Amino acid sequence: SGADPAVCELALQDLRQAATTGLGGAHLADCLYHIGLACANRGRHHDAVQAYSEAISLAPEMTPYVHERAKSLQLIGRCQEAIVDFTRVLKMHNKNAHAYFRRAFAYKALGLFEQSAQDFETAKAIAPDNPLLVVNYFQLHSTHVIELCKAGQEVY
């Protein structure tokens, strides 16, 4: 994000402190999710995965928590786990073009090119007016992932 890094770190410290003050269930899960978002948006995806995992353990039905963990897992190279989470998101929201698109890159990273192509095409079919979802297969060889939006900006 474009925010001052020092201000972001202070906000992250405040969130972590709030998480230790005895918040109950849903409030604690949401606080942990926002810690994950803050970490992810600062590029600290290992920390983000930990926070998202804690949030998911408290609120496993929260699609955004699972989706954001999948994205961070993918960015740290844990593509098999990312596929599991993206698939879980798609079971909850089967028309989520972004989840198909990102899962396609995870499949590609594992050499599962047929599944990858299928997911790229499904994403494009779901959101045909989104030019970001149109890929040139010949130019994807060295592309690890294309981020469609920042952590916390997915639409469901």
N, C-alpha and C. Protein backbone atom coordinates (compact mmCIF):
# COMPACT_ATOMS: atom_id res chain seq x y z
N SER A 1 0.85 -1.18 0.00
CA SER A 1 0.00 0.00 0.00
C SER A 1 0.88 1.23 0.00
N GLY A 2 0.32 2.39 -0.25
CA GLY A 2 1.07 3.63 -0.31
C GLY A 2 1.22 4.29 1.05
N ALA A 3 0.75 3.68 2.10
CA ALA A 3 0.80 4.28 3.43
C ALA A 3 2.23 4.25 3.98
N ASP A 4 2.49 5.15 4.89
CA ASP A 4 3.77 5.24 5.57
C ASP A 4 4.06 3.91 6.28
N PRO A 5 5.22 3.28 6.00
CA PRO A 5 5.54 1.99 6.64
C PRO A 5 5.51 2.03 8.17
N ALA A 6 5.96 3.13 8.74
CA ALA A 6 5.96 3.24 10.21
C ALA A 6 4.53 3.24 10.75
N VAL A 7 3.63 3.94 10.08
CA VAL A 7 2.23 3.96 10.49
C VAL A 7 1.62 2.57 10.35
N CYS A 8 1.95 1.89 9.27
CA CYS A 8 1.45 0.52 9.07
C CYS A 8 1.93 -0.41 10.16
N GLU A 9 3.18 -0.29 10.55
CA GLU A 9 3.71 -1.14 11.61
C GLU A 9 3.02 -0.85 12.94
N LEU A 10 2.74 0.41 13.21
CA LEU A 10 2.02 0.76 14.44
C LEU A 10 0.61 0.18 14.43
N ALA A 11 -0.05 0.26 13.28
CA ALA A 11 -1.40 -0.30 13.17
C ALA A 11 -1.36 -1.81 13.36
N LEU A 12 -0.35 -2.46 12.80
CA LEU A 12 -0.20 -3.91 12.96
C LEU A 12 0.03 -4.26 14.43
N GLN A 13 0.85 -3.48 15.12
CA GLN A 13 1.06 -3.70 16.56
C GLN A 13 -0.24 -3.54 17.33
N ASP A 14 -1.04 -2.54 16.97
CA ASP A 14 -2.34 -2.33 17.63
C ASP A 14 -3.26 -3.53 17.42
N LEU A 15 -3.29 -4.06 16.18
CA LEU A 15 -4.12 -5.23 15.90
C LEU A 15 -3.66 -6.43 16.71
N ARG A 16 -2.35 -6.64 16.76
CA ARG A 16 -1.82 -7.77 17.54
C ARG A 16 -2.16 -7.62 19.02
N GLN A 17 -2.07 -6.41 19.52
CA GLN A 17 -2.42 -6.19 20.93
C GLN A 17 -3.90 -6.46 21.15
N ALA A 18 -4.74 -6.00 20.24
CA ALA A 18 -6.18 -6.25 20.36
C ALA A 18 -6.48 -7.75 20.36
N ALA A 19 -5.73 -8.51 19.58
CA ALA A 19 -5.95 -9.96 19.48
C ALA A 19 -5.64 -10.68 20.79
N THR A 20 -4.85 -10.04 21.64
CA THR A 20 -4.48 -10.68 22.91
C THR A 20 -5.31 -10.20 24.09
N THR A 21 -6.33 -9.39 23.84
CA THR A 21 -7.09 -8.80 24.96
C THR A 21 -8.37 -9.55 25.29
N GLY A 22 -8.50 -10.78 24.82
CA GLY A 22 -9.68 -11.56 25.18
C GLY A 22 -10.88 -11.33 24.30
N LEU A 23 -10.65 -10.94 23.06
CA LEU A 23 -11.78 -10.83 22.12
C LEU A 23 -12.44 -12.19 21.96
N GLY A 24 -13.73 -12.19 21.75
CA GLY A 24 -14.44 -13.45 21.57
C GLY A 24 -14.50 -13.86 20.11
N GLY A 25 -14.70 -15.14 19.87
CA GLY A 25 -14.88 -15.80 18.59
C GLY A 25 -14.77 -15.00 17.32
N ALA A 26 -15.91 -14.47 16.85
CA ALA A 26 -15.95 -13.79 15.55
C ALA A 26 -15.08 -12.53 15.56
N HIS A 27 -15.05 -11.81 16.67
CA HIS A 27 -14.24 -10.59 16.75
C HIS A 27 -12.75 -10.93 16.68
N LEU A 28 -12.36 -11.99 17.37
CA LEU A 28 -10.95 -12.41 17.33
C LEU A 28 -10.59 -12.89 15.93
N ALA A 29 -11.48 -13.67 15.32
CA ALA A 29 -11.21 -14.16 13.96
C ALA A 29 -11.04 -12.99 13.00
N ASP A 30 -11.90 -12.00 13.11
CA ASP A 30 -11.81 -10.84 12.21
C ASP A 30 -10.54 -10.05 12.47
N CYS A 31 -10.15 -9.92 13.71
CA CYS A 31 -8.91 -9.22 14.06
C CYS A 31 -7.71 -9.96 13.46
N LEU A 32 -7.69 -11.28 13.59
CA LEU A 32 -6.60 -12.09 13.03
C LEU A 32 -6.57 -11.98 11.51
N TYR A 33 -7.74 -11.98 10.89
CA TYR A 33 -7.83 -11.81 9.43
C TYR A 33 -7.20 -10.47 9.03
N HIS A 34 -7.51 -9.41 9.76
CA HIS A 34 -6.96 -8.09 9.42
C HIS A 34 -5.46 -8.02 9.69
N ILE A 35 -4.98 -8.76 10.67
CA ILE A 35 -3.53 -8.89 10.85
C ILE A 35 -2.93 -9.54 9.60
N GLY A 36 -3.59 -10.59 9.12
CA GLY A 36 -3.13 -11.25 7.89
C GLY A 36 -3.10 -10.30 6.71
N LEU A 37 -4.17 -9.50 6.56
CA LEU A 37 -4.21 -8.53 5.46
C LEU A 37 -3.06 -7.54 5.56
N ALA A 38 -2.83 -7.03 6.76
CA ALA A 38 -1.75 -6.06 6.95
C ALA A 38 -0.40 -6.69 6.60
N CYS A 39 -0.18 -7.91 7.04
CA CYS A 39 1.07 -8.59 6.71
C CYS A 39 1.20 -8.83 5.21
N ALA A 40 0.13 -9.32 4.59
CA ALA A 40 0.17 -9.60 3.16
C ALA A 40 0.44 -8.34 2.35
N ASN A 41 -0.21 -7.26 2.72
CA ASN A 41 -0.02 -6.02 1.98
C ASN A 41 1.35 -5.38 2.23
N ARG A 42 2.08 -5.89 3.22
CA ARG A 42 3.46 -5.46 3.47
C ARG A 42 4.44 -6.47 2.88
N GLY A 43 3.91 -7.53 2.21
CA GLY A 43 4.77 -8.53 1.60
C GLY A 43 5.27 -9.60 2.55
N ARG A 44 4.69 -9.67 3.73
CA ARG A 44 5.10 -10.65 4.74
C ARG A 44 4.11 -11.82 4.73
N HIS A 45 4.21 -12.62 3.69
CA HIS A 45 3.20 -13.66 3.45
C HIS A 45 3.29 -14.84 4.41
N HIS A 46 4.47 -15.15 4.93
CA HIS A 46 4.55 -16.21 5.94
C HIS A 46 3.75 -15.82 7.18
N ASP A 47 3.94 -14.58 7.62
CA ASP A 47 3.18 -14.08 8.78
C ASP A 47 1.68 -14.03 8.46
N ALA A 48 1.36 -13.64 7.22
CA ALA A 48 -0.05 -13.57 6.81
C ALA A 48 -0.70 -14.94 6.89
N VAL A 49 0.00 -15.96 6.38
CA VAL A 49 -0.55 -17.33 6.40
C VAL A 49 -0.85 -17.75 7.83
N GLN A 50 0.05 -17.44 8.75
CA GLN A 50 -0.16 -17.82 10.15
C GLN A 50 -1.42 -17.13 10.70
N ALA A 51 -1.55 -15.84 10.45
CA ALA A 51 -2.71 -15.11 10.97
C ALA A 51 -4.01 -15.61 10.33
N TYR A 52 -4.00 -15.81 9.01
CA TYR A 52 -5.20 -16.32 8.32
C TYR A 52 -5.57 -17.70 8.86
N SER A 53 -4.57 -18.55 9.09
CA SER A 53 -4.85 -19.90 9.58
C SER A 53 -5.52 -19.86 10.95
N GLU A 54 -5.06 -18.95 11.80
CA GLU A 54 -5.68 -18.81 13.12
C GLU A 54 -7.12 -18.30 12.97
N ALA A 55 -7.33 -17.36 12.05
CA ALA A 55 -8.69 -16.85 11.81
C ALA A 55 -9.60 -17.96 11.30
N ILE A 56 -9.09 -18.76 10.37
CA ILE A 56 -9.87 -19.85 9.78
C ILE A 56 -10.22 -20.90 10.83
N SER A 57 -9.31 -21.13 11.78
CA SER A 57 -9.62 -22.12 12.82
C SER A 57 -10.80 -21.67 13.68
N LEU A 58 -11.02 -20.37 13.76
CA LEU A 58 -12.15 -19.83 14.54
C LEU A 58 -13.41 -19.64 13.70
N ALA A 59 -13.24 -19.42 12.40
CA ALA A 59 -14.38 -19.14 11.51
C ALA A 59 -14.13 -19.78 10.14
N PRO A 60 -14.21 -21.11 10.06
CA PRO A 60 -13.86 -21.82 8.83
C PRO A 60 -14.76 -21.53 7.64
N GLU A 61 -15.94 -20.95 7.88
CA GLU A 61 -16.88 -20.69 6.80
C GLU A 61 -16.65 -19.34 6.13
N MET A 62 -15.69 -18.58 6.59
CA MET A 62 -15.45 -17.23 6.07
C MET A 62 -14.59 -17.31 4.79
N THR A 63 -15.24 -17.21 3.66
CA THR A 63 -14.57 -17.31 2.37
C THR A 63 -13.38 -16.35 2.23
N PRO A 64 -13.51 -15.08 2.62
CA PRO A 64 -12.36 -14.18 2.45
C PRO A 64 -11.11 -14.66 3.19
N TYR A 65 -11.28 -15.25 4.35
CA TYR A 65 -10.13 -15.72 5.11
C TYR A 65 -9.39 -16.80 4.32
N VAL A 66 -10.16 -17.75 3.77
CA VAL A 66 -9.57 -18.86 3.02
C VAL A 66 -8.94 -18.36 1.72
N HIS A 67 -9.63 -17.45 1.04
CA HIS A 67 -9.14 -16.93 -0.23
C HIS A 67 -7.81 -16.18 -0.03
N GLU A 68 -7.75 -15.34 0.97
CA GLU A 68 -6.52 -14.59 1.20
C GLU A 68 -5.38 -15.50 1.63
N ARG A 69 -5.68 -16.54 2.40
CA ARG A 69 -4.62 -17.48 2.76
C ARG A 69 -4.11 -18.18 1.52
N ALA A 70 -5.01 -18.57 0.62
CA ALA A 70 -4.61 -19.23 -0.62
C ALA A 70 -3.65 -18.35 -1.41
N LYS A 71 -3.97 -17.07 -1.50
CA LYS A 71 -3.12 -16.14 -2.25
C LYS A 71 -1.73 -16.03 -1.62
N SER A 72 -1.68 -15.93 -0.30
CA SER A 72 -0.38 -15.84 0.37
C SER A 72 0.39 -17.14 0.27
N LEU A 73 -0.29 -18.27 0.41
CA LEU A 73 0.38 -19.57 0.24
C LEU A 73 1.02 -19.65 -1.13
N GLN A 74 0.29 -19.22 -2.14
CA GLN A 74 0.81 -19.26 -3.50
C GLN A 74 2.07 -18.40 -3.63
N LEU A 75 2.05 -17.24 -3.03
CA LEU A 75 3.17 -16.32 -3.17
C LEU A 75 4.43 -16.78 -2.44
N ILE A 76 4.29 -17.72 -1.50
CA ILE A 76 5.48 -18.27 -0.83
C ILE A 76 5.81 -19.66 -1.36
N GLY A 77 5.18 -20.02 -2.47
CA GLY A 77 5.54 -21.27 -3.14
C GLY A 77 4.87 -22.52 -2.62
N ARG A 78 3.89 -22.38 -1.78
CA ARG A 78 3.17 -23.55 -1.24
C ARG A 78 1.92 -23.77 -2.08
N CYS A 79 2.16 -24.13 -3.36
CA CYS A 79 1.09 -24.16 -4.35
C CYS A 79 0.08 -25.28 -4.13
N GLN A 80 0.53 -26.44 -3.65
CA GLN A 80 -0.42 -27.53 -3.40
C GLN A 80 -1.44 -27.11 -2.34
N GLU A 81 -0.97 -26.48 -1.28
CA GLU A 81 -1.88 -25.99 -0.23
C GLU A 81 -2.77 -24.87 -0.76
N ALA A 82 -2.20 -24.03 -1.62
CA ALA A 82 -2.99 -22.95 -2.22
C ALA A 82 -4.12 -23.52 -3.05
N ILE A 83 -3.85 -24.58 -3.80
CA ILE A 83 -4.89 -25.22 -4.62
C ILE A 83 -6.02 -25.73 -3.73
N VAL A 84 -5.66 -26.33 -2.61
CA VAL A 84 -6.69 -26.82 -1.67
C VAL A 84 -7.58 -25.66 -1.22
N ASP A 85 -6.95 -24.54 -0.86
CA ASP A 85 -7.74 -23.39 -0.39
C ASP A 85 -8.54 -22.75 -1.53
N PHE A 86 -7.95 -22.58 -2.71
CA PHE A 86 -8.71 -22.02 -3.83
C PHE A 86 -9.91 -22.91 -4.16
N THR A 87 -9.72 -24.23 -4.11
CA THR A 87 -10.81 -25.16 -4.38
C THR A 87 -11.90 -25.00 -3.32
N ARG A 88 -11.50 -24.81 -2.10
CA ARG A 88 -12.47 -24.58 -1.01
C ARG A 88 -13.26 -23.30 -1.26
N VAL A 89 -12.59 -22.25 -1.69
CA VAL A 89 -13.27 -20.99 -2.03
C VAL A 89 -14.29 -21.25 -3.13
N LEU A 90 -13.89 -22.01 -4.14
CA LEU A 90 -14.78 -22.27 -5.28
C LEU A 90 -15.96 -23.15 -4.89
N LYS A 91 -15.82 -23.96 -3.88
CA LYS A 91 -16.97 -24.74 -3.39
C LYS A 91 -17.98 -23.83 -2.72
N MET A 92 -17.49 -22.72 -2.13
CA MET A 92 -18.38 -21.77 -1.46
C MET A 92 -18.93 -20.73 -2.45
N HIS A 93 -18.13 -20.40 -3.46
CA HIS A 93 -18.50 -19.38 -4.46
C HIS A 93 -18.00 -19.85 -5.82
N ASN A 94 -18.81 -20.67 -6.49
CA ASN A 94 -18.35 -21.32 -7.72
C ASN A 94 -18.24 -20.40 -8.92
N LYS A 95 -18.60 -19.15 -8.78
CA LYS A 95 -18.47 -18.17 -9.87
C LYS A 95 -17.38 -17.14 -9.57
N ASN A 96 -16.42 -17.49 -8.75
CA ASN A 96 -15.36 -16.57 -8.38
C ASN A 96 -14.22 -16.66 -9.40
N ALA A 97 -14.24 -15.76 -10.37
CA ALA A 97 -13.25 -15.78 -11.45
C ALA A 97 -11.84 -15.60 -10.93
N HIS A 98 -11.66 -14.77 -9.90
CA HIS A 98 -10.32 -14.54 -9.36
C HIS A 98 -9.75 -15.82 -8.76
N ALA A 99 -10.56 -16.60 -8.08
CA ALA A 99 -10.08 -17.85 -7.48
C ALA A 99 -9.67 -18.84 -8.57
N TYR A 100 -10.47 -18.93 -9.63
CA TYR A 100 -10.08 -19.80 -10.75
C TYR A 100 -8.76 -19.34 -11.37
N PHE A 101 -8.64 -18.03 -11.57
CA PHE A 101 -7.45 -17.46 -12.20
C PHE A 101 -6.21 -17.74 -11.38
N ARG A 102 -6.28 -17.49 -10.07
CA ARG A 102 -5.12 -17.72 -9.22
C ARG A 102 -4.82 -19.21 -9.07
N ARG A 103 -5.87 -20.04 -9.01
CA ARG A 103 -5.64 -21.49 -8.93
C ARG A 103 -4.95 -21.98 -10.20
N ALA A 104 -5.28 -21.36 -11.34
CA ALA A 104 -4.63 -21.74 -12.60
C ALA A 104 -3.12 -21.57 -12.50
N PHE A 105 -2.67 -20.49 -11.89
CA PHE A 105 -1.23 -20.28 -11.72
C PHE A 105 -0.62 -21.30 -10.76
N ALA A 106 -1.36 -21.68 -9.74
CA ALA A 106 -0.86 -22.70 -8.82
C ALA A 106 -0.72 -24.04 -9.54
N TYR A 107 -1.71 -24.40 -10.34
CA TYR A 107 -1.61 -25.63 -11.14
C TYR A 107 -0.40 -25.54 -12.08
N LYS A 108 -0.22 -24.40 -12.73
CA LYS A 108 0.89 -24.21 -13.66
C LYS A 108 2.22 -24.42 -12.94
N ALA A 109 2.35 -23.88 -11.74
CA ALA A 109 3.59 -24.03 -10.97
C ALA A 109 3.92 -25.48 -10.67
N LEU A 110 2.88 -26.31 -10.57
CA LEU A 110 3.08 -27.74 -10.29
C LEU A 110 3.18 -28.57 -11.56
N GLY A 111 3.16 -27.90 -12.72
CA GLY A 111 3.26 -28.62 -13.99
C GLY A 111 1.96 -29.27 -14.43
N LEU A 112 0.86 -28.88 -13.82
CA LEU A 112 -0.46 -29.44 -14.17
C LEU A 112 -1.11 -28.51 -15.19
N PHE A 113 -0.60 -28.55 -16.41
CA PHE A 113 -0.95 -27.56 -17.42
C PHE A 113 -2.37 -27.70 -17.94
N GLU A 114 -2.89 -28.91 -18.01
CA GLU A 114 -4.27 -29.08 -18.47
C GLU A 114 -5.26 -28.46 -17.48
N GLN A 115 -5.05 -28.72 -16.18
CA GLN A 115 -5.91 -28.12 -15.16
C GLN A 115 -5.76 -26.60 -15.15
N SER A 116 -4.52 -26.14 -15.35
CA SER A 116 -4.25 -24.72 -15.39
C SER A 116 -5.02 -24.06 -16.53
N ALA A 117 -4.92 -24.61 -17.72
CA ALA A 117 -5.61 -24.04 -18.88
C ALA A 117 -7.12 -24.04 -18.67
N GLN A 118 -7.63 -25.11 -18.08
CA GLN A 118 -9.07 -25.20 -17.82
C GLN A 118 -9.51 -24.07 -16.88
N ASP A 119 -8.72 -23.82 -15.83
CA ASP A 119 -9.07 -22.75 -14.88
C ASP A 119 -8.96 -21.37 -15.52
N PHE A 120 -7.93 -21.15 -16.35
CA PHE A 120 -7.82 -19.86 -17.05
C PHE A 120 -9.05 -19.63 -17.92
N GLU A 121 -9.47 -20.65 -18.63
CA GLU A 121 -10.63 -20.52 -19.51
C GLU A 121 -11.93 -20.34 -18.72
N THR A 122 -12.04 -21.01 -17.59
CA THR A 122 -13.24 -20.86 -16.74
C THR A 122 -13.31 -19.44 -16.19
N ALA A 123 -12.18 -18.91 -15.73
CA ALA A 123 -12.16 -17.53 -15.22
C ALA A 123 -12.61 -16.56 -16.29
N LYS A 124 -12.09 -16.74 -17.49
CA LYS A 124 -12.44 -15.86 -18.61
C LYS A 124 -13.92 -15.98 -18.96
N ALA A 125 -14.46 -17.20 -18.90
CA ALA A 125 -15.88 -17.41 -19.21
C ALA A 125 -16.80 -16.77 -18.17
N ILE A 126 -16.39 -16.80 -16.91
CA ILE A 126 -17.18 -16.21 -15.83
C ILE A 126 -17.21 -14.69 -15.93
N ALA A 127 -16.07 -14.11 -16.27
CA ALA A 127 -15.96 -12.64 -16.33
C ALA A 127 -15.37 -12.22 -17.67
N PRO A 128 -16.13 -12.39 -18.75
CA PRO A 128 -15.59 -12.12 -20.09
C PRO A 128 -15.23 -10.66 -20.34
N ASP A 129 -15.76 -9.76 -19.55
CA ASP A 129 -15.46 -8.33 -19.74
C ASP A 129 -14.24 -7.86 -18.96
N ASN A 130 -13.61 -8.76 -18.22
CA ASN A 130 -12.43 -8.39 -17.44
C ASN A 130 -11.17 -8.69 -18.25
N PRO A 131 -10.53 -7.67 -18.79
CA PRO A 131 -9.35 -7.91 -19.64
C PRO A 131 -8.17 -8.50 -18.87
N LEU A 132 -8.14 -8.36 -17.57
CA LEU A 132 -7.04 -8.93 -16.78
C LEU A 132 -7.05 -10.45 -16.79
N LEU A 133 -8.21 -11.04 -17.10
CA LEU A 133 -8.34 -12.50 -17.07
C LEU A 133 -7.99 -13.15 -18.41
N VAL A 134 -7.66 -12.35 -19.39
CA VAL A 134 -7.29 -12.88 -20.70
C VAL A 134 -5.78 -13.06 -20.71
N VAL A 135 -5.32 -14.30 -20.91
CA VAL A 135 -3.88 -14.58 -20.89
C VAL A 135 -3.41 -15.07 -22.25
N ASN A 136 -2.18 -14.79 -22.52
CA ASN A 136 -1.50 -15.32 -23.70
C ASN A 136 -0.65 -16.48 -23.20
N TYR A 137 -1.03 -17.69 -23.55
CA TYR A 137 -0.35 -18.87 -23.03
C TYR A 137 1.14 -18.88 -23.38
N PHE A 138 1.51 -18.33 -24.52
CA PHE A 138 2.91 -18.32 -24.94
C PHE A 138 3.76 -17.37 -24.08
N GLN A 139 3.12 -16.38 -23.47
CA GLN A 139 3.85 -15.43 -22.64
C GLN A 139 3.81 -15.76 -21.15
N LEU A 140 3.12 -16.83 -20.78
CA LEU A 140 2.98 -17.18 -19.36
C LEU A 140 4.14 -18.00 -18.81
N HIS A 141 5.00 -18.47 -19.67
CA HIS A 141 6.04 -19.41 -19.24
C HIS A 141 6.79 -18.95 -18.00
N SER A 142 7.24 -17.71 -17.98
CA SER A 142 8.05 -17.23 -16.86
C SER A 142 7.23 -16.41 -15.84
N THR A 143 5.92 -16.38 -16.00
CA THR A 143 5.08 -15.62 -15.06
C THR A 143 4.66 -16.51 -13.91
N HIS A 144 5.07 -16.12 -12.70
CA HIS A 144 4.73 -16.90 -11.51
C HIS A 144 3.25 -16.74 -11.16
N VAL A 145 2.78 -15.49 -11.13
CA VAL A 145 1.39 -15.21 -10.82
C VAL A 145 1.09 -13.77 -11.24
N ILE A 146 -0.15 -13.51 -11.56
CA ILE A 146 -0.62 -12.16 -11.80
C ILE A 146 -1.58 -11.81 -10.68
N GLU A 147 -1.22 -10.79 -9.90
CA GLU A 147 -2.09 -10.37 -8.81
C GLU A 147 -3.16 -9.44 -9.37
N LEU A 148 -4.41 -9.82 -9.16
CA LEU A 148 -5.53 -9.04 -9.68
C LEU A 148 -5.95 -7.91 -8.77
N CYS A 149 -5.70 -8.06 -7.48
CA CYS A 149 -6.03 -7.01 -6.51
C CYS A 149 -5.23 -7.24 -5.24
N LYS A 150 -5.16 -6.23 -4.42
CA LYS A 150 -4.44 -6.32 -3.15
C LYS A 150 -5.24 -7.19 -2.16
N ALA A 151 -4.52 -7.68 -1.17
CA ALA A 151 -5.18 -8.44 -0.11
C ALA A 151 -6.29 -7.60 0.51
N GLY A 152 -7.46 -8.23 0.65
CA GLY A 152 -8.60 -7.57 1.26
C GLY A 152 -9.52 -6.88 0.27
N GLN A 153 -9.18 -6.91 -1.01
CA GLN A 153 -9.98 -6.22 -2.01
C GLN A 153 -10.78 -7.17 -2.91
N GLU A 154 -10.81 -8.44 -2.60
CA GLU A 154 -11.62 -9.38 -3.38
C GLU A 154 -13.11 -9.05 -3.20
N VAL A 155 -13.89 -9.33 -4.22
CA VAL A 155 -15.34 -9.10 -4.19
C VAL A 155 -16.04 -10.45 -4.28
N TYR A 156 -17.04 -10.64 -3.43
CA TYR A 156 -17.77 -11.92 -3.42
C TYR A 156 -19.22 -11.71 -3.78
